[in-house]
Amino acid sequence: MWTVDPDIFAVGDCAGKRDFYTRKDIPVMLASTATAEARVAGVNLYQLKVIRENKGTMRDLR
């Protein structure tokens, strides 16, 4: 969730998403994913001891 500017983080709809299984970029706009990303960005922003990352998003393909 880092951008080219080290002082700016991107989460939610303005951040890229990656499929959990295929690792390919996917267009997903979900509030649940955005809140998880915000938590990860907050932990990384304040350089807490536990560095977290979002491994990917699962979506219903029906």
PDB file of N, CA and C in Angstrom:
ATOM      1  N   MET A   1       0.796  -1.191   0.000  1.00  0.00           N
ATOM      2  CA  MET A   1       0.000   0.000   0.000  1.00  0.00           C
ATOM      3  C   MET A   1       0.842   1.260   0.000  1.00  0.00           C
ATOM      4  N   TRP A   2       2.143   1.092  -0.190  1.00  0.00           N
ATOM      5  CA  TRP A   2       2.998   2.250  -0.384  1.00  0.00           C
ATOM      6  C   TRP A   2       2.822   2.744  -1.815  1.00  0.00           C
ATOM      7  N   THR A   3       3.090   4.013  -2.014  1.00  0.00           N
ATOM      8  CA  THR A   3       3.051   4.593  -3.355  1.00  0.00           C
ATOM      9  C   THR A   3       4.471   5.002  -3.734  1.00  0.00           C
ATOM     10  N   VAL A   4       4.628   5.663  -4.858  1.00  0.00           N
ATOM     11  CA  VAL A   4       5.967   6.126  -5.242  1.00  0.00           C
ATOM     12  C   VAL A   4       6.490   7.185  -4.283  1.00  0.00           C
ATOM     13  N   ASP A   5       5.583   7.856  -3.569  1.00  0.00           N
ATOM     14  CA  ASP A   5       5.974   8.811  -2.532  1.00  0.00           C
ATOM     15  C   ASP A   5       5.980   8.061  -1.203  1.00  0.00           C
ATOM     16  N   PRO A   6       7.120   7.951  -0.523  1.00  0.00           N
ATOM     17  CA  PRO A   6       7.184   7.169   0.718  1.00  0.00           C
ATOM     18  C   PRO A   6       6.318   7.715   1.850  1.00  0.00           C
ATOM     19  N   ASP A   7       5.828   8.931   1.734  1.00  0.00           N
ATOM     20  CA  ASP A   7       4.982   9.510   2.774  1.00  0.00           C
ATOM     21  C   ASP A   7       3.490   9.348   2.481  1.00  0.00           C
ATOM     22  N   ILE A   8       3.149   8.679   1.389  1.00  0.00           N
ATOM     23  CA  ILE A   8       1.737   8.515   1.011  1.00  0.00           C
ATOM     24  C   ILE A   8       1.404   7.036   0.886  1.00  0.00           C
ATOM     25  N   PHE A   9       0.322   6.622   1.561  1.00  0.00           N
ATOM     26  CA  PHE A   9      -0.184   5.257   1.477  1.00  0.00           C
ATOM     27  C   PHE A   9      -1.496   5.268   0.699  1.00  0.00           C
ATOM     28  N   ALA A  10      -1.797   4.188   0.001  1.00  0.00           N
ATOM     29  CA  ALA A  10      -3.056   4.063  -0.733  1.00  0.00           C
ATOM     30  C   ALA A  10      -3.813   2.842  -0.222  1.00  0.00           C
ATOM     31  N   VAL A  11      -5.084   3.029   0.091  1.00  0.00           N
ATOM     32  CA  VAL A  11      -5.937   1.915   0.526  1.00  0.00           C
ATOM     33  C   VAL A  11      -7.309   2.064  -0.120  1.00  0.00           C
ATOM     34  N   GLY A  12      -8.089   1.012  -0.052  1.00  0.00           N
ATOM     35  CA  GLY A  12      -9.454   1.069  -0.563  1.00  0.00           C
ATOM     36  C   GLY A  12      -9.516   1.083  -2.072  1.00  0.00           C
ATOM     37  N   ASP A  13     -10.452   1.853  -2.602  1.00  0.00           N
ATOM     38  CA  ASP A  13     -10.700   1.860  -4.041  1.00  0.00           C
ATOM     39  C   ASP A  13      -9.521   2.380  -4.855  1.00  0.00           C
ATOM     40  N   CYS A  14      -8.634   3.164  -4.266  1.00  0.00           N
ATOM     41  CA  CYS A  14      -7.513   3.725  -5.035  1.00  0.00           C
ATOM     42  C   CYS A  14      -6.266   2.842  -4.966  1.00  0.00           C
ATOM     43  N   ALA A  15      -6.361   1.680  -4.345  1.00  0.00           N
ATOM     44  CA  ALA A  15      -5.223   0.770  -4.264  1.00  0.00           C
ATOM     45  C   ALA A  15      -5.495  -0.468  -5.111  1.00  0.00           C
ATOM     46  N   GLY A  16      -4.467  -1.001  -5.720  1.00  0.00           N
ATOM     47  CA  GLY A  16      -4.607  -2.212  -6.529  1.00  0.00           C
ATOM     48  C   GLY A  16      -4.905  -3.426  -5.650  1.00  0.00           C
ATOM     49  N   LYS A  17      -5.609  -4.384  -6.217  1.00  0.00           N
ATOM     50  CA  LYS A  17      -5.937  -5.626  -5.506  1.00  0.00           C
ATOM     51  C   LYS A  17      -5.361  -6.805  -6.264  1.00  0.00           C
ATOM     52  N   ARG A  18      -5.029  -7.862  -5.533  1.00  0.00           N
ATOM     53  CA  ARG A  18      -4.474  -9.065  -6.138  1.00  0.00           C
ATOM     54  C   ARG A  18      -5.310 -10.254  -5.684  1.00  0.00           C
ATOM     55  N   ASP A  19      -5.653 -11.125  -6.632  1.00  0.00           N
ATOM     56  CA  ASP A  19      -6.416 -12.324  -6.319  1.00  0.00           C
ATOM     57  C   ASP A  19      -5.586 -13.234  -5.425  1.00  0.00           C
ATOM     58  N   PHE A  20      -6.197 -13.779  -4.381  1.00  0.00           N
ATOM     59  CA  PHE A  20      -5.504 -14.608  -3.404  1.00  0.00           C
ATOM     60  C   PHE A  20      -4.924 -15.864  -4.048  1.00  0.00           C
ATOM     61  N   TYR A  21      -5.649 -16.473  -4.961  1.00  0.00           N
ATOM     62  CA  TYR A  21      -5.220 -17.740  -5.559  1.00  0.00           C
ATOM     63  C   TYR A  21      -4.325 -17.557  -6.779  1.00  0.00           C
ATOM     64  N   THR A  22      -4.712 -16.690  -7.700  1.00  0.00           N
ATOM     65  CA  THR A  22      -3.970 -16.547  -8.955  1.00  0.00           C
ATOM     66  C   THR A  22      -2.854 -15.516  -8.873  1.00  0.00           C
ATOM     67  N   ARG A  23      -2.882 -14.646  -7.876  1.00  0.00           N
ATOM     68  CA  ARG A  23      -1.924 -13.553  -7.679  1.00  0.00           C
ATOM     69  C   ARG A  23      -2.000 -12.517  -8.790  1.00  0.00           C
ATOM     70  N   LYS A  24      -3.056 -12.553  -9.624  1.00  0.00           N
ATOM     71  CA  LYS A  24      -3.243 -11.572 -10.688  1.00  0.00           C
ATOM     72  C   LYS A  24      -4.003 -10.359 -10.155  1.00  0.00           C
ATOM     73  N   ASP A  25      -3.776  -9.198 -10.760  1.00  0.00           N
ATOM     74  CA  ASP A  25      -4.505  -7.987 -10.382  1.00  0.00           C
ATOM     75  C   ASP A  25      -5.971  -8.143 -10.755  1.00  0.00           C
ATOM     76  N   ILE A  26      -6.872  -7.706  -9.843  1.00  0.00           N
ATOM     77  CA  ILE A  26      -8.309  -7.797 -10.085  1.00  0.00           C
ATOM     78  C   ILE A  26      -8.982  -6.496  -9.662  1.00  0.00           C
ATOM     79  N   PRO A  27     -10.093  -6.144 -10.319  1.00  0.00           N
ATOM     80  CA  PRO A  27     -10.827  -4.926  -9.951  1.00  0.00           C
ATOM     81  C   PRO A  27     -11.860  -5.225  -8.867  1.00  0.00           C
ATOM     82  N   VAL A  28     -11.539  -4.961  -7.619  1.00  0.00           N
ATOM     83  CA  VAL A  28     -12.448  -5.228  -6.501  1.00  0.00           C
ATOM     84  C   VAL A  28     -12.618  -3.957  -5.690  1.00  0.00           C
ATOM     85  N   MET A  29     -13.865  -3.596  -5.402  1.00  0.00           N
ATOM     86  CA  MET A  29     -14.140  -2.439  -4.546  1.00  0.00           C
ATOM     87  C   MET A  29     -15.069  -2.897  -3.420  1.00  0.00           C
ATOM     88  N   LEU A  30     -14.483  -3.351  -2.329  1.00  0.00           N
ATOM     89  CA  LEU A  30     -15.233  -3.854  -1.189  1.00  0.00           C
ATOM     90  C   LEU A  30     -14.815  -3.132   0.083  1.00  0.00           C
ATOM     91  N   ALA A  31     -15.787  -2.761   0.886  1.00  0.00           N
ATOM     92  CA  ALA A  31     -15.490  -2.068   2.148  1.00  0.00           C
ATOM     93  C   ALA A  31     -14.701  -2.967   3.088  1.00  0.00           C
ATOM     94  N   SER A  32     -14.993  -4.259   3.111  1.00  0.00           N
ATOM     95  CA  SER A  32     -14.281  -5.167   4.011  1.00  0.00           C
ATOM     96  C   SER A  32     -12.798  -5.242   3.652  1.00  0.00           C
ATOM     97  N   THR A  33     -12.495  -5.245   2.379  1.00  0.00           N
ATOM     98  CA  THR A  33     -11.101  -5.256   1.943  1.00  0.00           C
ATOM     99  C   THR A  33     -10.436  -3.923   2.273  1.00  0.00           C
ATOM    100  N   ALA A  34     -11.147  -2.829   2.071  1.00  0.00           N
ATOM    101  CA  ALA A  34     -10.597  -1.500   2.351  1.00  0.00           C
ATOM    102  C   ALA A  34     -10.266  -1.331   3.827  1.00  0.00           C
ATOM    103  N   THR A  35     -11.114  -1.824   4.719  1.00  0.00           N
ATOM    104  CA  THR A  35     -10.831  -1.680   6.152  1.00  0.00           C
ATOM    105  C   THR A  35      -9.633  -2.518   6.571  1.00  0.00           C
ATOM    106  N   ALA A  36      -9.493  -3.705   5.976  1.00  0.00           N
ATOM    107  CA  ALA A  36      -8.316  -4.532   6.271  1.00  0.00           C
ATOM    108  C   ALA A  36      -7.047  -3.830   5.793  1.00  0.00           C
ATOM    109  N   GLU A  37      -7.111  -3.237   4.604  1.00  0.00           N
ATOM    110  CA  GLU A  37      -5.962  -2.503   4.079  1.00  0.00           C
ATOM    111  C   GLU A  37      -5.627  -1.296   4.951  1.00  0.00           C
ATOM    112  N   ALA A  38      -6.634  -0.622   5.457  1.00  0.00           N
ATOM    113  CA  ALA A  38      -6.404   0.544   6.316  1.00  0.00           C
ATOM    114  C   ALA A  38      -5.680   0.143   7.596  1.00  0.00           C
ATOM    115  N   ARG A  39      -6.046  -0.996   8.161  1.00  0.00           N
ATOM    116  CA  ARG A  39      -5.351  -1.477   9.364  1.00  0.00           C
ATOM    117  C   ARG A  39      -3.884  -1.779   9.059  1.00  0.00           C
ATOM    118  N   VAL A  40      -3.632  -2.432   7.933  1.00  0.00           N
ATOM    119  CA  VAL A  40      -2.263  -2.751   7.534  1.00  0.00           C
ATOM    120  C   VAL A  40      -1.469  -1.462   7.316  1.00  0.00           C
ATOM    121  N   ALA A  41      -2.067  -0.503   6.628  1.00  0.00           N
ATOM    122  CA  ALA A  41      -1.379   0.769   6.376  1.00  0.00           C
ATOM    123  C   ALA A  41      -1.071   1.486   7.687  1.00  0.00           C
ATOM    124  N   GLY A  42      -2.001   1.473   8.627  1.00  0.00           N
ATOM    125  CA  GLY A  42      -1.780   2.121   9.925  1.00  0.00           C
ATOM    126  C   GLY A  42      -0.631   1.496  10.697  1.00  0.00           C
ATOM    127  N   VAL A  43      -0.575   0.167  10.694  1.00  0.00           N
ATOM    128  CA  VAL A  43       0.519  -0.542  11.369  1.00  0.00           C
ATOM    129  C   VAL A  43       1.849  -0.179  10.716  1.00  0.00           C
ATOM    130  N   ASN A  44       1.872  -0.174   9.377  1.00  0.00           N
ATOM    131  CA  ASN A  44       3.112   0.157   8.667  1.00  0.00           C
ATOM    132  C   ASN A  44       3.473   1.637   8.813  1.00  0.00           C
ATOM    133  N   LEU A  45       2.481   2.511   8.798  1.00  0.00           N
ATOM    134  CA  LEU A  45       2.718   3.945   8.924  1.00  0.00           C
ATOM    135  C   LEU A  45       3.418   4.277  10.232  1.00  0.00           C
ATOM    136  N   TYR A  46       2.959   3.665  11.310  1.00  0.00           N
ATOM    137  CA  TYR A  46       3.534   3.952  12.617  1.00  0.00           C
ATOM    138  C   TYR A  46       4.681   3.011  12.967  1.00  0.00           C
ATOM    139  N   GLN A  47       5.104   2.218  11.997  1.00  0.00           N
ATOM    140  CA  GLN A  47       6.254   1.325  12.143  1.00  0.00           C
ATOM    141  C   GLN A  47       6.173   0.480  13.410  1.00  0.00           C
ATOM    142  N   LEU A  48       5.015  -0.107  13.620  1.00  0.00           N
ATOM    143  CA  LEU A  48       4.851  -1.016  14.753  1.00  0.00           C
ATOM    144  C   LEU A  48       5.660  -2.280  14.505  1.00  0.00           C
ATOM    145  N   LYS A  49       5.930  -3.036  15.538  1.00  0.00           N
ATOM    146  CA  LYS A  49       6.802  -4.198  15.427  1.00  0.00           C
ATOM    147  C   LYS A  49       6.244  -5.277  14.498  1.00  0.00           C
ATOM    148  N   VAL A  50       4.935  -5.416  14.430  1.00  0.00           N
ATOM    149  CA  VAL A  50       4.331  -6.433  13.575  1.00  0.00           C
ATOM    150  C   VAL A  50       4.001  -5.799  12.236  1.00  0.00           C
ATOM    151  N   ILE A  51       4.736  -6.172  11.211  1.00  0.00           N
ATOM    152  CA  ILE A  51       4.462  -5.675   9.866  1.00  0.00           C
ATOM    153  C   ILE A  51       3.476  -6.636   9.222  1.00  0.00           C
ATOM    154  N   ARG A  52       2.370  -6.089   8.765  1.00  0.00           N
ATOM    155  CA  ARG A  52       1.330  -6.915   8.167  1.00  0.00           C
ATOM    156  C   ARG A  52       1.169  -6.559   6.706  1.00  0.00           C
ATOM    157  N   GLU A  53       0.616  -7.494   5.957  1.00  0.00           N
ATOM    158  CA  GLU A  53       0.318  -7.233   4.552  1.00  0.00           C
ATOM    159  C   GLU A  53      -0.951  -7.970   4.175  1.00  0.00           C
ATOM    160  N   ASN A  54      -1.589  -7.470   3.145  1.00  0.00           N
ATOM    161  CA  ASN A  54      -2.785  -8.101   2.621  1.00  0.00           C
ATOM    162  C   ASN A  54      -2.338  -9.077   1.542  1.00  0.00           C
ATOM    163  N   LYS A  55      -2.534 -10.387   1.776  1.00  0.00           N
ATOM    164  CA  LYS A  55      -2.067 -11.412   0.844  1.00  0.00           C
ATOM    165  C   LYS A  55      -2.899 -11.499  -0.415  1.00  0.00           C
ATOM    166  N   GLY A  56      -4.091 -10.941  -0.421  1.00  0.00           N
ATOM    167  CA  GLY A  56      -4.961 -11.000  -1.597  1.00  0.00           C
ATOM    168  C   GLY A  56      -6.415 -10.984  -1.209  1.00  0.00           C
ATOM    169  N   THR A  57      -7.266 -10.963  -2.223  1.00  0.00           N
ATOM    170  CA  THR A  57      -8.713 -10.889  -2.024  1.00  0.00           C
ATOM    171  C   THR A  57      -9.381 -12.078  -2.691  1.00  0.00           C
ATOM    172  N   MET A  58     -10.390 -12.638  -2.021  1.00  0.00           N
ATOM    173  CA  MET A  58     -11.174 -13.705  -2.613  1.00  0.00           C
ATOM    174  C   MET A  58     -12.509 -13.114  -3.055  1.00  0.00           C
ATOM    175  N   ARG A  59     -12.968 -13.501  -4.226  1.00  0.00           N
ATOM    176  CA  ARG A  59     -14.230 -12.963  -4.703  1.00  0.00           C
ATOM    177  C   ARG A  59     -15.081 -14.094  -5.268  1.00  0.00           C
ATOM    178  N   ASP A  60     -16.378 -13.881  -5.283  1.00  0.00           N
ATOM    179  CA  ASP A  60     -17.335 -14.833  -5.806  1.00  0.00           C
ATOM    180  C   ASP A  60     -17.418 -14.658  -7.310  1.00  0.00           C
ATOM    181  N   LEU A  61     -17.148 -15.692  -8.060  1.00  0.00           N
ATOM    182  CA  LEU A  61     -17.115 -15.598  -9.513  1.00  0.00           C
ATOM    183  C   LEU A  61     -18.425 -16.025 -10.166  1.00  0.00           C
ATOM    184  N   ARG A  62     -19.488 -16.160  -9.371  1.00  0.00           N
ATOM    185  CA  ARG A  62     -20.783 -16.542  -9.959  1.00  0.00           C
ATOM    186  C   ARG A  62     -21.353 -15.487 -10.827  1.00  0.00           C
TER     187      ARG A  62
END
